[in-house]
């Protein structure tokens, strides 16, 4: 997620023993059956998937504490000469690391500098997994380069990338990998969920107000707050709120919500733009506006350019041009506060109802509200809102279009 929800970096994960030791093979060629006789089960921390690896292999710390990722496994042979990584990418849940298999492949390619050798390899049999593919080539982290055998596949529950790496890949190493994969098992984790709110039209309305961001996060806009409320999402949202909003408890949550409802970005936008107008911005040629801003404000070149770029929003839509940005984010914040445990479900919904009724008075349709939200994003992020505009248009075309609920639908307490 590009905004409130922290998107995890995967570059730092690859820190196994192979980084500190020369890589080597594991002996003469063995059959798959001979390998299995010397292997045992290794599972990801939450137990949702496992493969077999050597009896003398050891689980490695992947540096994931506090990230909410408890569905990845890293292991290395005792000598450190071989490593294996079982990377699960759940298709739903609090942590969405890849939207589809193409993003899974891109993650491996970009973060581990994977370069395929261009050959075609027969896919191994992996129990319960479909669309299995194999890629072989080089992986590189820092100054260490190794040969990698990577298997991609999917189940109804998740996409997978399973990597085996050593300094050479011969028949023995590939037989080892196939033996490991032949014992793949998956036991999907049933998410706990303390949310009780039913998906009424009022809840749908709340969800629609921030559906663009929910979709960006890979969450579900057909449920309040987008994901299940449980210990995992609580931890993740607390970390996200701290990073993006400097919110760490109920007091700072209240303070931030009060700020966005009474001031937000719209107040500074309106004040600056009105000052520009009063000092003659409308009468200044576009080519001269940058100099005009620098003459009238104590700002650097970048800040001056931002003001020049923002003025057309004010000129066309007035001082309320970006109000939707603050109101949509306020509603979204309440769902985050609920997930983080700073507000109860009842408190978050009650306050959402109050804000939503205000929004209905200020805007006439979803298009008006989202247009204002997107202008605010452009002002705040200092970049184009085209990506989010595309998501909005796509959402409206779906069978489960979140904006199908009438913008002027009577909002009432249904929880």
Protein backbone atom coordinates (compact mmCIF):
# COMPACT_ATOMS: atom_id res chain seq x y z
CA UNK A 1 0.00 0.00 0.00
CA UNK A 2 1.35 3.33 -0.93
CA UNK A 3 -0.23 5.44 1.71
CA UNK A 4 -1.37 4.60 5.21
CA UNK A 5 -0.46 0.92 5.14
CA UNK A 6 3.25 0.20 5.09
CA UNK A 7 4.37 -1.86 2.15
CA UNK A 8 7.09 -4.27 3.26
CA UNK A 9 10.49 -4.26 1.64
CA UNK A 10 11.74 -7.70 0.74
CA UNK A 11 15.33 -6.79 -0.07
CA UNK A 12 16.66 -7.32 3.44
CA UNK A 13 15.21 -10.79 3.89
CA UNK A 14 17.91 -12.77 2.10
CA UNK A 15 20.48 -12.98 4.90
CA UNK A 16 21.28 -16.66 5.22
CA UNK A 17 24.46 -18.46 6.11
CA UNK A 18 25.35 -18.67 2.44
CA UNK A 19 26.27 -15.00 2.62
CA UNK A 20 29.21 -15.80 4.87
CA UNK A 21 30.51 -19.10 3.60
CA UNK A 22 31.69 -20.67 0.37
CA UNK A 23 28.94 -22.63 -1.33
CA UNK A 24 29.35 -26.25 -2.13
CA UNK A 25 27.37 -29.23 -3.28
CA UNK A 26 26.07 -31.91 -0.95
CA UNK A 27 27.93 -35.00 -2.18
CA UNK A 28 27.52 -37.52 -4.97
CA UNK A 29 24.30 -37.92 -6.93
CA UNK A 30 21.40 -39.45 -5.01
CA UNK A 31 17.95 -40.44 -6.11
CA UNK A 32 14.90 -38.59 -4.87
CA UNK A 33 14.05 -41.55 -2.63
CA UNK A 34 17.53 -41.58 -1.10
CA UNK A 35 17.25 -37.88 -0.34
CA UNK A 36 13.87 -38.40 1.36
CA UNK A 37 15.36 -41.00 3.65
CA UNK A 38 17.60 -38.26 5.07
CA UNK A 39 15.00 -35.49 5.33
CA UNK A 40 12.44 -34.17 7.78
CA UNK A 41 9.58 -31.65 7.70
CA UNK A 42 10.20 -27.89 7.96
CA UNK A 43 7.17 -25.62 8.27
CA UNK A 44 6.60 -21.88 8.03
CA UNK A 45 6.08 -20.32 11.50
CA UNK A 46 2.27 -20.27 11.35
CA UNK A 47 2.17 -23.88 10.18
CA UNK A 48 0.26 -23.15 6.97
CA UNK A 49 2.82 -24.76 4.61
CA UNK A 50 5.80 -27.09 4.79
CA UNK A 51 8.39 -28.96 2.75
CA UNK A 52 11.06 -31.51 3.60
CA UNK A 53 14.74 -30.60 4.00
CA UNK A 54 17.87 -32.35 5.25
CA UNK A 55 17.95 -33.75 8.78
CA UNK A 56 20.94 -31.54 9.58
CA UNK A 57 19.41 -28.35 8.15
CA UNK A 58 18.60 -25.46 10.44
CA UNK A 59 15.92 -22.79 10.31
CA UNK A 60 17.36 -19.32 9.73
CA UNK A 61 16.20 -15.99 11.12
CA UNK A 62 14.71 -14.07 8.22
CA UNK A 63 14.48 -10.77 10.09
CA UNK A 64 10.68 -10.72 9.96
CA UNK A 65 9.88 -9.96 13.58
CA UNK A 66 7.19 -7.31 13.81
CA UNK A 67 6.26 -7.48 10.12
CA UNK A 68 3.29 -9.82 10.45
CA UNK A 69 4.89 -12.23 7.98
CA UNK A 70 4.70 -15.59 9.72
CA UNK A 71 4.29 -17.60 6.53
CA UNK A 72 7.87 -17.58 5.19
CA UNK A 73 10.55 -20.15 5.91
CA UNK A 74 14.31 -19.84 5.49
CA UNK A 75 16.64 -22.75 6.17
CA UNK A 76 20.26 -23.66 5.45
CA UNK A 77 22.33 -26.81 5.50
CA UNK A 78 24.59 -27.15 8.51
CA UNK A 79 27.61 -26.24 6.39
CA UNK A 80 25.84 -23.18 5.05
CA UNK A 81 26.50 -24.41 1.53
CA UNK A 82 22.85 -24.70 0.54
CA UNK A 83 19.76 -22.72 1.39
CA UNK A 84 16.04 -23.05 0.82
CA UNK A 85 13.29 -20.46 1.02
CA UNK A 86 9.58 -21.25 1.14
CA UNK A 87 7.79 -17.96 0.41
CA UNK A 88 4.03 -18.01 0.69
CA UNK A 89 1.96 -15.11 -0.64
CA UNK A 90 -1.57 -15.46 0.81
CA UNK A 91 -4.33 -14.31 -1.52
CA UNK A 92 -6.23 -12.68 1.34
CA UNK A 93 -5.48 -11.40 4.81
CA UNK A 94 -3.79 -8.49 6.51
CA UNK A 95 -0.44 -8.75 4.70
CA UNK A 96 -0.72 -8.57 0.92
CA UNK A 97 2.74 -8.84 -0.60
CA UNK A 98 1.76 -9.67 -4.18
CA UNK A 99 -1.50 -9.36 -6.08
CA UNK A 100 -0.76 -12.24 -8.46
CA UNK A 101 1.93 -14.60 -9.68
CA UNK A 102 3.49 -11.97 -11.90
CA UNK A 103 4.13 -9.82 -8.83
CA UNK A 104 5.56 -12.85 -7.02
CA UNK A 105 8.02 -13.37 -9.86
CA UNK A 106 8.84 -9.67 -9.94
CA UNK A 107 9.58 -9.79 -6.20
CA UNK A 108 12.12 -12.56 -6.68
CA UNK A 109 13.64 -10.96 -9.76
CA UNK A 110 14.01 -7.49 -8.30
CA UNK A 111 14.96 -8.27 -4.71
CA UNK A 112 17.30 -11.17 -5.36
CA UNK A 113 18.65 -10.04 -8.73
CA UNK A 114 17.45 -13.28 -10.27
CA UNK A 115 18.56 -13.84 -13.84
CA UNK A 116 17.05 -16.89 -15.57
CA UNK A 117 19.25 -18.96 -17.85
CA UNK A 118 16.56 -19.06 -20.55
CA UNK A 119 16.22 -22.84 -20.59
CA UNK A 120 12.93 -24.71 -20.24
CA UNK A 121 12.64 -27.17 -17.36
CA UNK A 122 10.06 -29.80 -16.55
CA UNK A 123 7.94 -28.79 -13.61
CA UNK A 124 8.13 -31.10 -10.58
CA UNK A 125 5.08 -32.66 -9.00
CA UNK A 126 4.02 -30.58 -6.01
CA UNK A 127 1.02 -32.00 -4.10
CA UNK A 128 -2.02 -29.71 -4.18
CA UNK A 129 -0.30 -27.04 -6.27
CA UNK A 130 -1.36 -25.95 -9.76
CA UNK A 131 0.24 -23.88 -12.53
CA UNK A 132 3.66 -25.06 -11.40
CA UNK A 133 6.63 -23.54 -13.24
CA UNK A 134 10.39 -23.79 -12.84
CA UNK A 135 13.03 -21.13 -13.39
CA UNK A 136 16.75 -21.74 -13.06
CA UNK A 137 19.46 -19.09 -13.03
CA UNK A 138 21.62 -16.87 -10.86
CA UNK A 139 20.70 -15.01 -7.67
CA UNK A 140 22.89 -12.32 -6.25
CA UNK A 141 22.86 -10.48 -2.94
CA UNK A 142 25.63 -8.02 -2.20
CA UNK A 143 28.74 -9.71 -3.63
CA UNK A 144 27.51 -13.30 -3.33
CA UNK A 145 26.24 -15.11 -6.41
CA UNK A 146 24.66 -18.56 -6.38
CA UNK A 147 22.71 -20.86 -8.66
CA UNK A 148 19.02 -21.05 -7.91
CA UNK A 149 16.25 -23.51 -8.70
CA UNK A 150 12.94 -21.69 -8.20
CA UNK A 151 9.50 -23.26 -8.33
CA UNK A 152 6.40 -21.11 -8.69
CA UNK A 153 2.88 -22.41 -8.14
CA UNK A 154 -0.44 -21.66 -6.58
CA UNK A 155 -3.28 -23.07 -4.53
CA UNK A 156 -6.68 -21.60 -3.76
CA UNK A 157 -5.12 -20.19 -0.59
CA UNK A 158 -1.84 -18.68 -1.79
CA UNK A 159 0.79 -18.15 -4.46
CA UNK A 160 4.23 -19.63 -3.80
CA UNK A 161 7.87 -19.13 -4.69
CA UNK A 162 10.13 -21.90 -3.37
CA UNK A 163 13.84 -21.36 -3.92
CA UNK A 164 16.80 -23.69 -3.55
CA UNK A 165 20.26 -22.17 -3.94
CA UNK A 166 23.84 -23.49 -3.97
CA UNK A 167 27.01 -22.73 -5.85
CA UNK A 168 26.16 -25.39 -8.44
CA UNK A 169 23.00 -27.08 -9.65
CA UNK A 170 23.59 -30.59 -10.85
CA UNK A 171 21.44 -33.70 -10.86
CA UNK A 172 21.99 -34.15 -7.13
CA UNK A 173 20.83 -30.66 -6.17
CA UNK A 174 17.76 -30.83 -8.39
CA UNK A 175 16.86 -34.29 -7.06
CA UNK A 176 17.10 -32.82 -3.54
CA UNK A 177 14.76 -29.97 -4.50
CA UNK A 178 12.24 -32.34 -6.08
CA UNK A 179 12.33 -34.57 -3.02
CA UNK A 180 11.71 -31.54 -0.79
CA UNK A 181 8.77 -30.42 -2.93
CA UNK A 182 7.24 -33.89 -3.13
CA UNK A 183 6.38 -33.52 0.56
CA UNK A 184 4.82 -30.06 0.22
CA UNK A 185 1.77 -29.68 2.44
CA UNK A 186 -0.61 -26.78 2.98
CA UNK A 187 -2.88 -26.23 5.95
CA UNK A 188 -4.62 -22.87 5.43
CA UNK A 189 -4.91 -20.77 8.54
CA UNK A 190 -8.46 -19.86 9.50
CA UNK A 191 -8.40 -16.20 10.41
CA UNK A 192 -9.94 -15.13 13.67
CA UNK A 193 -12.24 -12.17 13.22
CA UNK A 194 -13.85 -10.16 16.00
CA UNK A 195 -15.81 -7.92 13.60
CA UNK A 196 -19.56 -8.19 14.09
CA UNK A 197 -20.88 -5.43 11.79
CA UNK A 198 -23.03 -6.78 8.96
CA UNK A 199 -22.64 -5.39 5.46
CA UNK A 200 -25.65 -3.07 5.40
CA UNK A 201 -26.00 -0.15 2.97
CA UNK A 202 -24.61 2.17 5.62
CA UNK A 203 -21.50 0.02 6.08
CA UNK A 204 -21.18 -0.24 2.30
CA UNK A 205 -21.25 3.55 2.16
CA UNK A 206 -18.43 3.82 4.70
CA UNK A 207 -16.40 1.25 2.76
CA UNK A 208 -16.98 3.00 -0.56
CA UNK A 209 -15.60 6.29 0.76
CA UNK A 210 -12.13 4.74 0.95
CA UNK A 211 -12.50 1.78 -1.44
CA UNK A 212 -9.71 3.05 -3.70
CA UNK A 213 -7.17 2.72 -0.91
CA UNK A 214 -8.67 -0.58 0.24
CA UNK A 215 -8.15 -1.92 -3.26
CA UNK A 216 -4.59 -0.58 -3.36
CA UNK A 217 -3.90 -2.48 -0.15
CA UNK A 218 -5.28 -5.68 -1.64
CA UNK A 219 -7.98 -5.77 1.03
CA UNK A 220 -11.71 -6.46 0.75
CA UNK A 221 -14.02 -3.46 0.32
CA UNK A 222 -16.98 -5.71 1.06
CA UNK A 223 -16.18 -5.91 4.76
CA UNK A 224 -15.82 -3.17 7.35
CA UNK A 225 -12.14 -2.18 7.74
CA UNK A 226 -11.13 -4.38 4.80
CA UNK A 227 -9.59 -7.28 6.73
CA UNK A 228 -10.31 -9.48 9.72
CA UNK A 229 -9.85 -7.85 13.11
CA UNK A 230 -7.47 -10.06 15.07
CA UNK A 231 -4.10 -10.00 16.81
CA UNK A 232 -2.20 -10.06 13.51
CA UNK A 233 -4.01 -7.11 11.94
CA UNK A 234 -3.87 -5.28 15.25
CA UNK A 235 -0.08 -5.46 15.34
CA UNK A 236 0.28 -4.51 11.69
CA UNK A 237 -2.07 -1.56 11.91
CA UNK A 238 -0.46 -0.24 15.06
CA UNK A 239 2.89 -0.20 13.27
CA UNK A 240 1.38 1.36 10.17
CA UNK A 241 -0.40 4.10 12.11
CA UNK A 242 2.81 4.90 13.98
CA UNK A 243 4.80 5.20 10.75
CA UNK A 244 2.30 7.10 8.59
CA UNK A 245 0.35 9.12 11.16
CA UNK A 246 2.49 9.15 14.33
CA UNK A 247 -0.48 7.57 16.11
CA UNK A 248 0.48 5.18 18.90
CA UNK A 249 -2.42 5.19 21.37
CA UNK A 250 -5.97 6.41 21.94
CA UNK A 251 -4.88 9.95 22.82
CA UNK A 252 -2.84 10.44 19.64
CA UNK A 253 -5.60 8.77 17.63
CA UNK A 254 -8.15 11.27 18.96
CA UNK A 255 -5.78 14.17 18.37
CA UNK A 256 -5.10 13.16 14.75
CA UNK A 257 -8.77 12.61 13.96
CA UNK A 258 -9.63 15.99 15.46
CA UNK A 259 -6.92 17.63 13.34
CA UNK A 260 -8.11 16.09 10.09
CA UNK A 261 -11.74 17.01 10.80
CA UNK A 262 -11.08 20.60 11.90
CA UNK A 263 -8.05 21.46 9.73
CA UNK A 264 -6.53 18.72 7.63
CA UNK A 265 -4.70 19.57 4.45
CA UNK A 266 -7.66 21.53 3.12
CA UNK A 267 -7.11 24.44 5.51
CA UNK A 268 -3.50 25.08 4.54
CA UNK A 269 -4.40 24.63 0.88
CA UNK A 270 -7.22 27.16 1.05
CA UNK A 271 -5.21 29.72 3.07
CA UNK A 272 -2.21 29.59 0.74
CA UNK A 273 -4.26 29.70 -2.43
CA UNK A 274 -6.43 32.59 -1.23
CA UNK A 275 -3.31 34.54 -0.30
CA UNK A 276 -1.92 33.96 -3.77
CA UNK A 277 -5.17 35.13 -5.27
CA UNK A 278 -5.33 38.24 -3.08
CA UNK A 279 -1.78 39.20 -4.07
CA UNK A 280 -2.52 38.95 -7.78
CA UNK A 281 -1.88 35.39 -8.92
CA UNK A 282 -4.86 35.50 -11.30
CA UNK A 283 -3.37 38.49 -13.06
CA UNK A 284 0.08 36.89 -13.38
CA UNK A 285 1.05 35.12 -16.59
CA UNK A 286 1.71 31.41 -16.16
CA UNK A 287 5.33 31.85 -17.19
CA UNK A 288 5.83 34.36 -14.39
CA UNK A 289 3.99 32.56 -11.60
CA UNK A 290 7.00 30.79 -10.11
CA UNK A 291 8.82 34.08 -9.64
CA UNK A 292 5.62 35.64 -8.32
CA UNK A 293 5.29 32.97 -5.61
CA UNK A 294 8.92 33.32 -4.56
CA UNK A 295 8.47 37.09 -4.28
CA UNK A 296 5.41 36.73 -2.06
CA UNK A 297 6.30 33.74 0.13
CA UNK A 298 9.37 32.62 2.01
CA UNK A 299 9.72 29.28 0.23
CA UNK A 300 12.39 27.33 -1.61
CA UNK A 301 12.22 26.50 -5.31
CA UNK A 302 10.50 23.14 -4.75
CA UNK A 303 7.86 24.60 -2.46
CA UNK A 304 7.24 27.47 -4.86
CA UNK A 305 6.73 25.05 -7.75
CA UNK A 306 4.28 23.01 -5.67
CA UNK A 307 2.21 26.13 -5.01
CA UNK A 308 2.20 27.02 -8.69
CA UNK A 309 1.14 23.48 -9.59
CA UNK A 310 -1.66 23.51 -6.99
CA UNK A 311 -3.16 26.86 -7.91
CA UNK A 312 -5.14 25.58 -10.91
CA UNK A 313 -7.08 23.28 -8.53
CA UNK A 314 -8.09 26.33 -6.53
CA UNK A 315 -8.80 28.43 -9.62
CA UNK A 316 -11.20 25.83 -11.01
CA UNK A 317 -12.78 24.34 -7.87
CA UNK A 318 -12.37 27.00 -5.20
CA UNK A 319 -11.18 26.78 -1.61
CA UNK A 320 -13.05 23.49 -0.99
CA UNK A 321 -11.27 21.78 -3.91
CA UNK A 322 -9.60 19.08 -1.80
CA UNK A 323 -12.07 18.71 1.09
CA UNK A 324 -12.91 15.16 0.01
CA UNK A 325 -9.32 14.12 0.64
CA UNK A 326 -9.58 14.90 4.35
CA UNK A 327 -13.06 13.45 4.84
CA UNK A 328 -12.32 10.17 3.05
CA UNK A 329 -9.13 9.77 5.05
CA UNK A 330 -10.96 10.50 8.30
CA UNK A 331 -13.39 7.67 7.58
CA UNK A 332 -10.52 5.41 6.60
CA UNK A 333 -8.63 6.31 9.78
CA UNK A 334 -11.55 5.14 11.89
CA UNK A 335 -11.37 1.70 10.31
CA UNK A 336 -7.62 1.63 11.03
CA UNK A 337 -8.23 2.74 14.62
CA UNK A 338 -10.62 -0.17 15.02
CA UNK A 339 -8.14 -2.70 13.62
CA UNK A 340 -5.37 -1.28 15.84
CA UNK A 341 -7.53 -1.58 18.96
CA UNK A 342 -7.57 2.15 19.71
CA UNK A 343 -11.33 2.37 19.07
CA UNK A 344 -13.95 -0.27 19.68
CA UNK A 345 -15.99 -1.41 16.71
CA UNK A 346 -18.98 0.52 18.07
CA UNK A 347 -16.95 3.72 18.53
CA UNK A 348 -15.47 3.54 15.05
CA UNK A 349 -18.85 2.94 13.44
CA UNK A 350 -20.64 5.62 15.46
CA UNK A 351 -18.05 8.25 14.53
CA UNK A 352 -18.07 7.08 10.90
CA UNK A 353 -21.82 7.63 10.78
CA UNK A 354 -21.42 11.17 12.08
CA UNK A 355 -18.74 12.03 9.50
CA UNK A 356 -20.54 10.28 6.63
CA UNK A 357 -23.66 12.37 7.19
CA UNK A 358 -21.51 15.52 7.00
CA UNK A 359 -19.96 14.30 3.76
CA UNK A 360 -23.38 13.67 2.24
CA UNK A 361 -24.26 17.31 2.91
CA UNK A 362 -21.09 18.63 1.27
CA UNK A 363 -21.06 16.48 -1.89
CA UNK A 364 -23.67 15.44 -4.39
CA UNK A 365 -22.34 12.12 -5.70
CA UNK A 366 -19.55 9.58 -5.52
CA UNK A 367 -17.93 11.21 -8.53
CA UNK A 368 -17.86 14.59 -6.78
CA UNK A 369 -16.42 13.12 -3.60
CA UNK A 370 -13.79 10.97 -5.30
CA UNK A 371 -12.78 13.79 -7.65
CA UNK A 372 -12.12 15.95 -4.58
CA UNK A 373 -10.26 13.10 -2.89
CA UNK A 374 -8.05 12.64 -5.95
CA UNK A 375 -7.29 16.36 -6.16
CA UNK A 376 -6.25 16.20 -2.52
CA UNK A 377 -4.03 13.22 -3.19
CA UNK A 378 -2.37 15.14 -6.01
CA UNK A 379 -1.83 18.11 -3.69
CA UNK A 380 -0.52 16.00 -0.81
CA UNK A 381 1.58 13.46 -2.70
CA UNK A 382 2.88 15.96 -5.25
CA UNK A 383 2.29 13.45 -8.00
CA UNK A 384 -0.37 12.44 -10.48
CA UNK A 385 -3.52 10.76 -9.20
CA UNK A 386 -3.95 8.84 -12.46
CA UNK A 387 -3.30 5.44 -10.86
CA UNK A 388 -5.98 5.99 -8.24
CA UNK A 389 -8.33 7.41 -10.86
CA UNK A 390 -7.86 4.20 -12.84
CA UNK A 391 -8.66 2.10 -9.77
CA UNK A 392 -11.84 4.11 -9.16
CA UNK A 393 -13.04 3.62 -12.72
CA UNK A 394 -12.19 -0.09 -12.56
CA UNK A 395 -14.09 -0.53 -9.30
CA UNK A 396 -17.18 1.06 -10.81
CA UNK A 397 -17.15 -1.50 -13.62
CA UNK A 398 -17.10 -4.57 -11.35
CA UNK A 399 -20.03 -6.79 -10.47
CA UNK A 400 -19.45 -6.02 -6.78
CA UNK A 401 -18.99 -2.30 -7.48
CA UNK A 402 -18.65 -0.67 -4.04
CA UNK A 403 -20.18 2.53 -5.43
CA UNK A 404 -23.42 0.77 -6.36
CA UNK A 405 -24.82 1.97 -3.04
CA UNK A 406 -26.61 5.28 -3.64
CA UNK A 407 -24.50 8.20 -2.46
CA UNK A 408 -27.61 9.79 -0.95
CA UNK A 409 -28.84 6.58 0.67
CA UNK A 410 -30.26 7.25 4.15
CA UNK A 411 -27.47 6.52 6.60
CA UNK A 412 -28.57 4.92 9.83
CA UNK A 413 -27.15 2.96 12.73
CA UNK A 414 -27.38 -0.73 11.86
CA UNK A 415 -24.93 -2.21 14.37
